[in-house]
């Protein structure tokens, strides 16, 4: 396998959940904003927007909804937003109808733009000696989060990021072996759960040795456990939220 500083940094990635009580500098923020700005974009629509949440009252509400004490605490809180509102306004103000901005197709193009920008920023964060943790929990209570963020129609908060100066050095979390996740040409259906025994043991050892949140938990136990069990949660409101935002209106 090839190595260089970028690849080695990516292979050494660890999510950081404890940050020093220090905000990003103006130069650091400007750099991340500019990296965000220069991300690849589908059809040159530039359907992504970045929110930097600094108001303590808003950070506290987001922290409560996410249920994670590090969200909006030390460091900086970024929210990456699928944004079709801006292009709708361009069309309307130039005398055009909304066209396809309400379709599922355009929403997914906006989602692609936003997630590409998120990962671009994440790579830049680590290259600057900073750390981050992804915040999928911004959609745990989507309708309430929409109220807190006060977003216009045709926008959707896709993913958050808490970023800052690391105040911990977590262990490297083991990933599924490549034989289960990468294929040539055709998707392999020849999957046997027994083949994951070694990986399960590796994951169990990782949790057993981890400093925080100690638990004995294999990968297959997590997949067969509460994470995917049938239940009703607020995330089930996501289709309602999309339609409330006038997104994916062709998706019934």
C-alpha atoms as a PDB file:
ATOM      1  CA  UNK A   1       0.000   0.000   0.000  1.00  0.00           C
ATOM      2  CA  UNK A   2       1.187   3.539  -0.772  1.00  0.00           C
ATOM      3  CA  UNK A   3       1.841   6.064   1.970  1.00  0.00           C
ATOM      4  CA  UNK A   4       2.110   9.833   2.131  1.00  0.00           C
ATOM      5  CA  UNK A   5       1.259  12.408   4.776  1.00  0.00           C
ATOM      6  CA  UNK A   6      -2.369  12.777   3.609  1.00  0.00           C
ATOM      7  CA  UNK A   7      -3.057   9.036   3.464  1.00  0.00           C
ATOM      8  CA  UNK A   8      -1.348   8.391   6.796  1.00  0.00           C
ATOM      9  CA  UNK A   9      -3.451  11.122   8.391  1.00  0.00           C
ATOM     10  CA  UNK A  10      -6.653   9.601   6.996  1.00  0.00           C
ATOM     11  CA  UNK A  11      -5.720   6.106   8.162  1.00  0.00           C
ATOM     12  CA  UNK A  12      -4.981   7.465  11.633  1.00  0.00           C
ATOM     13  CA  UNK A  13      -8.367   9.191  11.995  1.00  0.00           C
ATOM     14  CA  UNK A  14     -10.006   9.100  15.431  1.00  0.00           C
ATOM     15  CA  UNK A  15     -13.189  10.929  16.434  1.00  0.00           C
ATOM     16  CA  UNK A  16     -12.432  13.501  19.137  1.00  0.00           C
ATOM     17  CA  UNK A  17     -15.088  14.093  21.808  1.00  0.00           C
ATOM     18  CA  UNK A  18     -13.043  16.092  24.311  1.00  0.00           C
ATOM     19  CA  UNK A  19     -11.599  19.443  23.271  1.00  0.00           C
ATOM     20  CA  UNK A  20      -9.556  22.104  24.965  1.00  0.00           C
ATOM     21  CA  UNK A  21     -11.447  25.238  25.983  1.00  0.00           C
ATOM     22  CA  UNK A  22     -10.192  27.148  22.977  1.00  0.00           C
ATOM     23  CA  UNK A  23     -12.006  28.556  19.961  1.00  0.00           C
ATOM     24  CA  UNK A  24     -10.751  28.395  16.398  1.00  0.00           C
ATOM     25  CA  UNK A  25      -8.874  31.467  15.234  1.00  0.00           C
ATOM     26  CA  UNK A  26     -10.165  33.705  12.470  1.00  0.00           C
ATOM     27  CA  UNK A  27      -7.496  32.344  10.119  1.00  0.00           C
ATOM     28  CA  UNK A  28      -8.450  28.755  10.922  1.00  0.00           C
ATOM     29  CA  UNK A  29     -12.146  29.442  10.316  1.00  0.00           C
ATOM     30  CA  UNK A  30     -11.452  31.313   7.086  1.00  0.00           C
ATOM     31  CA  UNK A  31      -9.343  28.401   5.883  1.00  0.00           C
ATOM     32  CA  UNK A  32     -12.124  25.897   6.621  1.00  0.00           C
ATOM     33  CA  UNK A  33     -14.717  28.141   4.982  1.00  0.00           C
ATOM     34  CA  UNK A  34     -12.568  28.387   1.859  1.00  0.00           C
ATOM     35  CA  UNK A  35     -12.045  24.616   1.727  1.00  0.00           C
ATOM     36  CA  UNK A  36     -15.834  24.268   2.015  1.00  0.00           C
ATOM     37  CA  UNK A  37     -16.254  26.781  -0.819  1.00  0.00           C
ATOM     38  CA  UNK A  38     -13.935  24.897  -3.190  1.00  0.00           C
ATOM     39  CA  UNK A  39     -15.516  21.446  -2.834  1.00  0.00           C
ATOM     40  CA  UNK A  40     -16.730  19.669  -5.972  1.00  0.00           C
ATOM     41  CA  UNK A  41     -20.399  20.394  -6.713  1.00  0.00           C
ATOM     42  CA  UNK A  42     -23.011  18.599  -8.818  1.00  0.00           C
ATOM     43  CA  UNK A  43     -23.914  20.539 -12.001  1.00  0.00           C
ATOM     44  CA  UNK A  44     -22.219  23.608 -10.457  1.00  0.00           C
ATOM     45  CA  UNK A  45     -25.377  24.200  -8.413  1.00  0.00           C
ATOM     46  CA  UNK A  46     -23.394  24.791  -5.164  1.00  0.00           C
ATOM     47  CA  UNK A  47     -26.272  23.463  -3.079  1.00  0.00           C
ATOM     48  CA  UNK A  48     -24.574  23.590   0.331  1.00  0.00           C
ATOM     49  CA  UNK A  49     -24.329  26.127   3.144  1.00  0.00           C
ATOM     50  CA  UNK A  50     -22.254  26.094   6.328  1.00  0.00           C
ATOM     51  CA  UNK A  51     -23.532  27.444   9.655  1.00  0.00           C
ATOM     52  CA  UNK A  52     -21.058  28.334  12.432  1.00  0.00           C
ATOM     53  CA  UNK A  53     -23.090  28.286  15.651  1.00  0.00           C
ATOM     54  CA  UNK A  54     -21.658  30.734  18.191  1.00  0.00           C
ATOM     55  CA  UNK A  55     -24.709  31.901  20.201  1.00  0.00           C
ATOM     56  CA  UNK A  56     -24.515  30.095  23.548  1.00  0.00           C
ATOM     57  CA  UNK A  57     -28.308  29.858  23.876  1.00  0.00           C
ATOM     58  CA  UNK A  58     -28.562  28.135  20.507  1.00  0.00           C
ATOM     59  CA  UNK A  59     -25.584  25.876  21.236  1.00  0.00           C
ATOM     60  CA  UNK A  60     -27.217  24.810  24.506  1.00  0.00           C
ATOM     61  CA  UNK A  61     -30.484  23.912  22.754  1.00  0.00           C
ATOM     62  CA  UNK A  62     -28.610  21.919  20.092  1.00  0.00           C
ATOM     63  CA  UNK A  63     -26.621  20.145  22.815  1.00  0.00           C
ATOM     64  CA  UNK A  64     -29.861  19.159  24.557  1.00  0.00           C
ATOM     65  CA  UNK A  65     -31.415  17.820  21.353  1.00  0.00           C
ATOM     66  CA  UNK A  66     -28.270  15.866  20.457  1.00  0.00           C
ATOM     67  CA  UNK A  67     -27.976  14.433  23.959  1.00  0.00           C
ATOM     68  CA  UNK A  68     -24.175  14.679  23.907  1.00  0.00           C
ATOM     69  CA  UNK A  69     -22.427  16.926  26.427  1.00  0.00           C
ATOM     70  CA  UNK A  70     -19.578  17.837  24.055  1.00  0.00           C
ATOM     71  CA  UNK A  71     -21.867  19.294  21.361  1.00  0.00           C
ATOM     72  CA  UNK A  72     -21.559  23.071  21.347  1.00  0.00           C
ATOM     73  CA  UNK A  73     -19.262  22.999  24.383  1.00  0.00           C
ATOM     74  CA  UNK A  74     -15.485  23.418  23.968  1.00  0.00           C
ATOM     75  CA  UNK A  75     -14.348  24.126  20.418  1.00  0.00           C
ATOM     76  CA  UNK A  76     -16.607  25.189  17.546  1.00  0.00           C
ATOM     77  CA  UNK A  77     -19.919  23.853  16.259  1.00  0.00           C
ATOM     78  CA  UNK A  78     -20.518  23.637  12.510  1.00  0.00           C
ATOM     79  CA  UNK A  79     -23.762  22.589  10.805  1.00  0.00           C
ATOM     80  CA  UNK A  80     -23.655  21.559   7.125  1.00  0.00           C
ATOM     81  CA  UNK A  81     -26.903  22.361   5.334  1.00  0.00           C
ATOM     82  CA  UNK A  82     -28.379  21.158   2.052  1.00  0.00           C
ATOM     83  CA  UNK A  83     -29.456  24.481   0.541  1.00  0.00           C
ATOM     84  CA  UNK A  84     -31.848  24.700  -2.404  1.00  0.00           C
ATOM     85  CA  UNK A  85     -33.391  27.938  -1.102  1.00  0.00           C
ATOM     86  CA  UNK A  86     -30.660  30.118  -2.582  1.00  0.00           C
ATOM     87  CA  UNK A  87     -31.129  28.764  -6.112  1.00  0.00           C
ATOM     88  CA  UNK A  88     -34.916  28.985  -5.793  1.00  0.00           C
ATOM     89  CA  UNK A  89     -34.518  32.675  -4.941  1.00  0.00           C
ATOM     90  CA  UNK A  90     -32.237  33.221  -7.931  1.00  0.00           C
ATOM     91  CA  UNK A  91     -34.852  31.693 -10.236  1.00  0.00           C
ATOM     92  CA  UNK A  92     -37.773  33.593  -8.696  1.00  0.00           C
ATOM     93  CA  UNK A  93     -36.009  36.948  -8.608  1.00  0.00           C
ATOM     94  CA  UNK A  94     -35.067  36.532 -12.266  1.00  0.00           C
ATOM     95  CA  UNK A  95     -38.637  35.783 -13.283  1.00  0.00           C
ATOM     96  CA  UNK A  96     -38.539  31.972 -13.462  1.00  0.00           C
ATOM     97  CA  UNK A  97     -40.655  29.341 -11.709  1.00  0.00           C
ATOM     98  CA  UNK A  98     -39.068  26.944  -9.191  1.00  0.00           C
ATOM     99  CA  UNK A  99     -38.312  24.358 -11.851  1.00  0.00           C
ATOM    100  CA  UNK A 100     -37.008  21.094 -10.349  1.00  0.00           C
ATOM    101  CA  UNK A 101     -35.829  22.408  -6.966  1.00  0.00           C
ATOM    102  CA  UNK A 102     -38.601  20.510  -5.143  1.00  0.00           C
ATOM    103  CA  UNK A 103     -37.663  17.110  -6.618  1.00  0.00           C
ATOM    104  CA  UNK A 104     -35.939  14.196  -4.918  1.00  0.00           C
ATOM    105  CA  UNK A 105     -33.287  14.225  -7.644  1.00  0.00           C
ATOM    106  CA  UNK A 106     -32.182  17.785  -6.875  1.00  0.00           C
ATOM    107  CA  UNK A 107     -32.339  17.145  -3.123  1.00  0.00           C
ATOM    108  CA  UNK A 108     -29.934  14.217  -3.467  1.00  0.00           C
ATOM    109  CA  UNK A 109     -27.614  16.343  -5.585  1.00  0.00           C
ATOM    110  CA  UNK A 110     -27.683  18.887  -2.771  1.00  0.00           C
ATOM    111  CA  UNK A 111     -26.995  16.112  -0.255  1.00  0.00           C
ATOM    112  CA  UNK A 112     -24.011  14.995  -2.347  1.00  0.00           C
ATOM    113  CA  UNK A 113     -22.658  18.560  -2.400  1.00  0.00           C
ATOM    114  CA  UNK A 114     -23.098  18.935   1.353  1.00  0.00           C
ATOM    115  CA  UNK A 115     -21.510  15.638   2.383  1.00  0.00           C
ATOM    116  CA  UNK A 116     -18.579  16.136   0.005  1.00  0.00           C
ATOM    117  CA  UNK A 117     -18.028  19.555   1.588  1.00  0.00           C
ATOM    118  CA  UNK A 118     -18.265  18.062   5.079  1.00  0.00           C
ATOM    119  CA  UNK A 119     -15.548  15.493   4.344  1.00  0.00           C
ATOM    120  CA  UNK A 120     -13.375  18.106   2.631  1.00  0.00           C
ATOM    121  CA  UNK A 121     -13.547  20.270   5.754  1.00  0.00           C
ATOM    122  CA  UNK A 122     -12.904  17.234   7.977  1.00  0.00           C
ATOM    123  CA  UNK A 123      -9.707  16.437   6.081  1.00  0.00           C
ATOM    124  CA  UNK A 124      -8.598  20.058   6.366  1.00  0.00           C
ATOM    125  CA  UNK A 125      -9.329  20.071  10.103  1.00  0.00           C
ATOM    126  CA  UNK A 126      -6.993  17.155  10.754  1.00  0.00           C
ATOM    127  CA  UNK A 127      -4.311  18.554   8.449  1.00  0.00           C
ATOM    128  CA  UNK A 128      -4.261  21.650  10.702  1.00  0.00           C
ATOM    129  CA  UNK A 129      -3.580  19.551  13.801  1.00  0.00           C
ATOM    130  CA  UNK A 130      -7.176  19.913  15.002  1.00  0.00           C
ATOM    131  CA  UNK A 131      -9.753  17.220  15.740  1.00  0.00           C
ATOM    132  CA  UNK A 132     -13.448  16.687  15.092  1.00  0.00           C
ATOM    133  CA  UNK A 133     -16.397  14.417  15.704  1.00  0.00           C
ATOM    134  CA  UNK A 134     -19.286  13.942  13.223  1.00  0.00           C
ATOM    135  CA  UNK A 135     -22.695  14.887  14.610  1.00  0.00           C
ATOM    136  CA  UNK A 136     -25.386  12.763  13.016  1.00  0.00           C
ATOM    137  CA  UNK A 137     -27.353  13.426  16.200  1.00  0.00           C
ATOM    138  CA  UNK A 138     -28.483  16.791  14.813  1.00  0.00           C
ATOM    139  CA  UNK A 139     -31.257  14.740  13.184  1.00  0.00           C
ATOM    140  CA  UNK A 140     -32.279  12.774  16.280  1.00  0.00           C
ATOM    141  CA  UNK A 141     -35.157  15.237  16.798  1.00  0.00           C
ATOM    142  CA  UNK A 142     -35.422  16.784  13.321  1.00  0.00           C
ATOM    143  CA  UNK A 143     -38.524  18.959  13.698  1.00  0.00           C
ATOM    144  CA  UNK A 144     -37.274  20.464  16.964  1.00  0.00           C
ATOM    145  CA  UNK A 145     -33.820  21.036  15.462  1.00  0.00           C
ATOM    146  CA  UNK A 146     -35.364  22.828  12.512  1.00  0.00           C
ATOM    147  CA  UNK A 147     -37.000  25.272  14.923  1.00  0.00           C
ATOM    148  CA  UNK A 148     -33.725  25.874  16.777  1.00  0.00           C
ATOM    149  CA  UNK A 149     -31.778  26.509  13.580  1.00  0.00           C
ATOM    150  CA  UNK A 150     -34.601  28.642  12.110  1.00  0.00           C
ATOM    151  CA  UNK A 151     -33.854  27.504   8.583  1.00  0.00           C
ATOM    152  CA  UNK A 152     -35.908  28.607   5.548  1.00  0.00           C
ATOM    153  CA  UNK A 153     -37.795  26.223   3.298  1.00  0.00           C
ATOM    154  CA  UNK A 154     -35.747  24.162   0.842  1.00  0.00           C
ATOM    155  CA  UNK A 155     -32.951  23.634   3.356  1.00  0.00           C
ATOM    156  CA  UNK A 156     -32.025  20.562   5.398  1.00  0.00           C
ATOM    157  CA  UNK A 157     -29.363  20.202   8.126  1.00  0.00           C
ATOM    158  CA  UNK A 158     -27.512  17.119   6.920  1.00  0.00           C
ATOM    159  CA  UNK A 159     -24.627  16.707   9.343  1.00  0.00           C
ATOM    160  CA  UNK A 160     -22.860  18.555  12.128  1.00  0.00           C
ATOM    161  CA  UNK A 161     -19.247  18.727  13.234  1.00  0.00           C
ATOM    162  CA  UNK A 162     -17.745  19.642  16.580  1.00  0.00           C
ATOM    163  CA  UNK A 163     -14.186  20.790  15.908  1.00  0.00           C
ATOM    164  CA  UNK A 164     -11.346  22.095  18.026  1.00  0.00           C
ATOM    165  CA  UNK A 165      -8.023  21.429  19.693  1.00  0.00           C
ATOM    166  CA  UNK A 166      -8.000  17.767  20.846  1.00  0.00           C
ATOM    167  CA  UNK A 167      -7.797  17.092  24.575  1.00  0.00           C
ATOM    168  CA  UNK A 168      -7.676  13.306  24.242  1.00  0.00           C
ATOM    169  CA  UNK A 169      -5.987  10.607  22.153  1.00  0.00           C
ATOM    170  CA  UNK A 170      -8.526   7.804  21.635  1.00  0.00           C
ATOM    171  CA  UNK A 171      -7.571   4.357  20.420  1.00  0.00           C
ATOM    172  CA  UNK A 172      -7.896   3.620  16.722  1.00  0.00           C
ATOM    173  CA  UNK A 173     -11.275   1.963  16.151  1.00  0.00           C
ATOM    174  CA  UNK A 174     -11.073  -1.238  14.064  1.00  0.00           C
ATOM    175  CA  UNK A 175     -12.981  -1.298  10.778  1.00  0.00           C
ATOM    176  CA  UNK A 176     -14.482  -4.167   8.800  1.00  0.00           C
ATOM    177  CA  UNK A 177     -11.838  -6.010   6.758  1.00  0.00           C
ATOM    178  CA  UNK A 178     -11.658  -4.945   3.092  1.00  0.00           C
ATOM    179  CA  UNK A 179     -12.831  -8.370   1.908  1.00  0.00           C
ATOM    180  CA  UNK A 180     -16.313  -7.504   3.245  1.00  0.00           C
ATOM    181  CA  UNK A 181     -16.555  -3.959   1.904  1.00  0.00           C
ATOM    182  CA  UNK A 182     -14.677  -3.705  -1.411  1.00  0.00           C
ATOM    183  CA  UNK A 183     -15.432  -5.736  -4.545  1.00  0.00           C
ATOM    184  CA  UNK A 184     -14.343  -5.796  -8.187  1.00  0.00           C
ATOM    185  CA  UNK A 185     -17.158  -5.135 -10.674  1.00  0.00           C
ATOM    186  CA  UNK A 186     -19.899  -7.183  -8.968  1.00  0.00           C
ATOM    187  CA  UNK A 187     -21.325  -7.047  -5.455  1.00  0.00           C
ATOM    188  CA  UNK A 188     -20.457 -10.270  -3.640  1.00  0.00           C
ATOM    189  CA  UNK A 189     -23.466 -11.973  -2.057  1.00  0.00           C
ATOM    190  CA  UNK A 190     -21.328 -14.781  -0.645  1.00  0.00           C
ATOM    191  CA  UNK A 191     -21.481 -13.460   2.896  1.00  0.00           C
ATOM    192  CA  UNK A 192     -21.295 -15.623   6.020  1.00  0.00           C
ATOM    193  CA  UNK A 193     -21.564 -14.044   9.453  1.00  0.00           C
ATOM    194  CA  UNK A 194     -19.223 -16.679  10.870  1.00  0.00           C
ATOM    195  CA  UNK A 195     -16.430 -15.112   8.832  1.00  0.00           C
ATOM    196  CA  UNK A 196     -16.651 -12.076  11.132  1.00  0.00           C
ATOM    197  CA  UNK A 197     -15.545 -13.963  14.253  1.00  0.00           C
ATOM    198  CA  UNK A 198     -12.006 -12.534  14.231  1.00  0.00           C
ATOM    199  CA  UNK A 199     -13.277  -9.022  13.599  1.00  0.00           C
ATOM    200  CA  UNK A 200     -15.858  -9.398  16.385  1.00  0.00           C
ATOM    201  CA  UNK A 201     -13.075 -10.317  18.788  1.00  0.00           C
ATOM    202  CA  UNK A 202     -11.032  -7.318  17.670  1.00  0.00           C
ATOM    203  CA  UNK A 203     -13.982  -4.968  18.275  1.00  0.00           C
ATOM    204  CA  UNK A 204     -14.709  -6.545  21.660  1.00  0.00           C
ATOM    205  CA  UNK A 205     -11.082  -6.032  22.682  1.00  0.00           C
ATOM    206  CA  UNK A 206     -11.235  -2.400  21.528  1.00  0.00           C
ATOM    207  CA  UNK A 207     -14.249  -1.673  23.739  1.00  0.00           C
ATOM    208  CA  UNK A 208     -12.759  -3.607  26.616  1.00  0.00           C
ATOM    209  CA  UNK A 209      -9.581  -1.506  26.535  1.00  0.00           C
ATOM    210  CA  UNK A 210     -11.119   1.874  25.728  1.00  0.00           C
ATOM    211  CA  UNK A 211     -10.710   4.431  28.497  1.00  0.00           C
ATOM    212  CA  UNK A 212     -14.195   5.952  28.239  1.00  0.00           C
ATOM    213  CA  UNK A 213     -17.613   4.294  28.048  1.00  0.00           C
ATOM    214  CA  UNK A 214     -16.236   0.823  28.720  1.00  0.00           C
ATOM    215  CA  UNK A 215     -18.365  -2.041  27.412  1.00  0.00           C
ATOM    216  CA  UNK A 216     -17.978  -5.532  26.017  1.00  0.00           C
ATOM    217  CA  UNK A 217     -19.629  -5.295  22.625  1.00  0.00           C
ATOM    218  CA  UNK A 218     -18.850  -7.070  19.339  1.00  0.00           C
ATOM    219  CA  UNK A 219     -19.762  -5.670  15.918  1.00  0.00           C
ATOM    220  CA  UNK A 220     -22.411  -8.303  15.157  1.00  0.00           C
ATOM    221  CA  UNK A 221     -23.940  -7.799  18.614  1.00  0.00           C
ATOM    222  CA  UNK A 222     -24.385  -4.112  17.813  1.00  0.00           C
ATOM    223  CA  UNK A 223     -25.981  -4.854  14.424  1.00  0.00           C
ATOM    224  CA  UNK A 224     -28.404  -7.378  15.950  1.00  0.00           C
ATOM    225  CA  UNK A 225     -29.104  -5.130  18.932  1.00  0.00           C
ATOM    226  CA  UNK A 226     -31.133  -2.025  19.661  1.00  0.00           C
ATOM    227  CA  UNK A 227     -29.584   0.136  16.936  1.00  0.00           C
ATOM    228  CA  UNK A 228     -31.613  -1.600  14.204  1.00  0.00           C
ATOM    229  CA  UNK A 229     -34.452  -3.107  16.238  1.00  0.00           C
ATOM    230  CA  UNK A 230     -37.955  -2.087  15.170  1.00  0.00           C
ATOM    231  CA  UNK A 231     -39.047   0.919  17.230  1.00  0.00           C
ATOM    232  CA  UNK A 232     -40.482   4.376  16.760  1.00  0.00           C
ATOM    233  CA  UNK A 233     -38.072   7.274  17.186  1.00  0.00           C
ATOM    234  CA  UNK A 234     -38.110  10.974  16.321  1.00  0.00           C
ATOM    235  CA  UNK A 235     -35.827  10.307  13.347  1.00  0.00           C
ATOM    236  CA  UNK A 236     -38.889   8.769  11.714  1.00  0.00           C
ATOM    237  CA  UNK A 237     -40.042  12.391  11.290  1.00  0.00           C
ATOM    238  CA  UNK A 238     -37.410  12.952   8.571  1.00  0.00           C
ATOM    239  CA  UNK A 239     -39.799  12.412   5.634  1.00  0.00           C
ATOM    240  CA  UNK A 240     -42.253  14.817   7.309  1.00  0.00           C
ATOM    241  CA  UNK A 241     -39.464  17.350   7.762  1.00  0.00           C
ATOM    242  CA  UNK A 242     -38.395  17.090   4.107  1.00  0.00           C
ATOM    243  CA  UNK A 243     -41.941  17.744   2.918  1.00  0.00           C
ATOM    244  CA  UNK A 244     -42.363  20.532   5.469  1.00  0.00           C
ATOM    245  CA  UNK A 245     -39.270  22.094   3.898  1.00  0.00           C
ATOM    246  CA  UNK A 246     -40.812  21.685   0.414  1.00  0.00           C
ATOM    247  CA  UNK A 247     -38.142  19.119  -0.456  1.00  0.00           C
ATOM    248  CA  UNK A 248     -38.683  15.823  -2.323  1.00  0.00           C
ATOM    249  CA  UNK A 249     -42.283  16.745  -3.086  1.00  0.00           C
ATOM    250  CA  UNK A 250     -42.356  14.131  -5.879  1.00  0.00           C
ATOM    251  CA  UNK A 251     -41.600  11.421  -3.272  1.00  0.00           C
ATOM    252  CA  UNK A 252     -44.915  10.170  -1.914  1.00  0.00           C
END
